[in-house]
Protein backbone atom coordinates (compact mmCIF):
# COMPACT_ATOMS: atom_id res chain seq x y z
CA MET A 1 -9.54 -76.30 -55.92
CA ALA A 2 -6.74 -75.59 -53.49
CA THR A 3 -6.07 -72.35 -51.63
CA GLY A 4 -3.30 -71.25 -49.30
CA ARG A 5 0.11 -72.91 -49.55
CA LEU A 6 0.28 -74.62 -52.94
CA GLY A 7 3.94 -75.65 -52.86
CA ALA A 8 7.13 -75.45 -50.83
CA ALA A 9 10.72 -76.60 -51.31
CA ASP A 10 14.17 -76.52 -49.76
CA VAL A 11 16.04 -75.64 -52.95
CA ALA A 12 19.27 -77.55 -53.61
CA ALA A 13 22.26 -75.53 -54.85
CA THR A 14 22.71 -75.19 -58.63
CA THR A 15 19.66 -77.33 -59.41
CA ASN A 16 16.34 -76.41 -61.01
CA THR A 17 13.61 -77.19 -58.49
CA THR A 18 9.95 -77.28 -59.52
CA VAL A 19 8.04 -75.92 -56.54
CA TYR A 20 4.51 -75.89 -57.99
CA THR A 21 2.69 -77.11 -61.10
CA CYS A 22 -0.75 -75.72 -61.92
CA PRO A 23 -3.20 -78.64 -62.34
CA ALA A 24 -5.03 -79.46 -65.59
CA ALA A 25 -8.23 -77.49 -66.35
CA THR A 26 -7.17 -74.90 -63.75
CA TYR A 27 -5.52 -71.52 -63.50
CA ALA A 28 -3.83 -70.15 -60.40
CA VAL A 29 -3.01 -66.73 -58.98
CA VAL A 30 0.01 -67.02 -56.70
CA ALA A 31 2.71 -65.25 -54.74
CA VAL A 32 6.23 -66.70 -54.82
CA ASN A 33 8.44 -66.20 -51.74
CA VAL A 34 12.15 -67.01 -51.80
CA CYS A 35 13.91 -66.92 -48.41
CA ASN A 36 17.67 -67.07 -47.86
CA ARG A 37 18.28 -68.90 -44.57
CA GLY A 38 22.06 -68.86 -45.03
CA ALA A 39 24.91 -66.58 -44.00
CA ALA A 40 25.95 -65.62 -47.57
CA SER A 41 24.18 -63.90 -50.45
CA SER A 42 22.73 -66.26 -53.05
CA ASP A 43 21.78 -65.58 -56.67
CA ILE A 44 18.35 -66.96 -57.50
CA ARG A 45 16.28 -67.47 -60.63
CA VAL A 46 12.49 -67.75 -60.84
CA ALA A 47 10.79 -69.09 -63.97
CA LEU A 48 7.22 -69.62 -65.11
CA ALA A 49 8.01 -72.67 -67.20
CA THR A 50 6.31 -75.22 -69.41
CA LEU A 51 8.82 -77.93 -68.40
CA ASP A 52 11.02 -78.59 -65.35
CA THR A 53 13.97 -77.06 -67.24
CA PRO A 54 13.08 -73.44 -68.17
CA THR A 55 14.03 -71.75 -71.41
CA LEU A 56 15.64 -68.32 -71.20
CA SER A 57 12.38 -66.61 -72.19
CA GLU A 58 10.52 -68.07 -69.18
CA TYR A 59 12.47 -66.33 -66.37
CA ILE A 60 10.85 -63.52 -64.37
CA GLU A 61 13.92 -63.17 -62.10
CA TYR A 62 17.46 -64.07 -63.18
CA ASP A 63 20.52 -64.13 -60.90
CA VAL A 64 18.93 -61.74 -58.42
CA ALA A 65 21.01 -61.49 -55.23
CA VAL A 66 19.11 -62.42 -52.09
CA GLY A 67 21.13 -61.36 -49.07
CA PRO A 68 21.61 -63.48 -45.97
CA LYS A 69 18.42 -63.77 -43.90
CA ASN A 70 16.47 -61.85 -46.59
CA VAL A 71 13.50 -62.61 -48.82
CA ILE A 72 12.16 -61.66 -52.23
CA GLU A 73 8.51 -61.95 -53.15
CA ARG A 74 6.68 -61.89 -56.46
CA THR A 75 2.91 -61.38 -56.18
CA GLY A 76 0.04 -61.50 -58.64
CA VAL A 77 1.63 -64.25 -60.74
CA VAL A 78 -0.97 -65.98 -62.92
CA LEU A 79 -0.32 -69.53 -64.16
CA SER A 80 -2.30 -71.49 -66.72
CA ALA A 81 -2.84 -75.24 -66.58
CA GLY A 82 0.45 -77.14 -66.67
CA GLN A 83 2.71 -74.15 -66.01
CA ARG A 84 5.33 -74.56 -63.30
CA ILE A 85 7.18 -72.34 -60.84
CA VAL A 86 10.84 -73.36 -61.14
CA ILE A 87 13.52 -72.01 -58.77
CA TYR A 88 17.30 -72.13 -59.12
CA SER A 89 19.82 -70.96 -56.51
CA SER A 90 23.59 -70.56 -56.61
CA LEU A 91 23.83 -71.77 -52.98
CA ALA A 92 21.95 -74.03 -50.55
CA ASN A 93 19.83 -72.74 -47.63
CA ILE A 94 17.08 -71.34 -49.85
CA SER A 95 13.40 -71.96 -49.04
CA THR A 96 10.63 -71.27 -51.52
CA VAL A 97 6.92 -71.13 -50.73
CA VAL A 98 4.13 -70.61 -53.26
CA VAL A 99 0.80 -69.40 -51.85
CA GLY A 100 -2.36 -68.60 -53.77
CA ILE A 101 -5.63 -69.88 -55.16
CA GLU A 102 -6.51 -72.35 -57.91
CA THR A 103 -9.65 -71.82 -59.97
CA ALA A 104 -11.37 -73.98 -62.60
CA ALA A 105 -10.55 -72.66 -66.06
C-alpha cells in the first residue's frame, strides 16, 4: 500500500481532472491541496466521484475562490475502492496534490 504523495496534477482550465483513484480492495485517508500559482483568483471544484465526470451530489467544494498565490486544503478525506478525487478550475495555473495513506480494505 502506498503512503505519502498519492497523486498530483497541473489542472487544465475548465476541465475535470482526476488526480487520484483509490485502488481496488483498498481504502485511503487523504488530504487534498489545491494551489493557485497564477496572478488571478480562480474558482475551483473538488469532488469525491465514482467516475471521471462527477455528479452534483459528489462535490465537497464548488466554485470556491482561491486567490492568487493561495491554497485550500481538505484533510481527513476517506475514499473507498474506486473513488476518485476530481478537480475542476475556472483558470489555468492550478496545482493539486493528494497526500495520504492507502490501507487494505
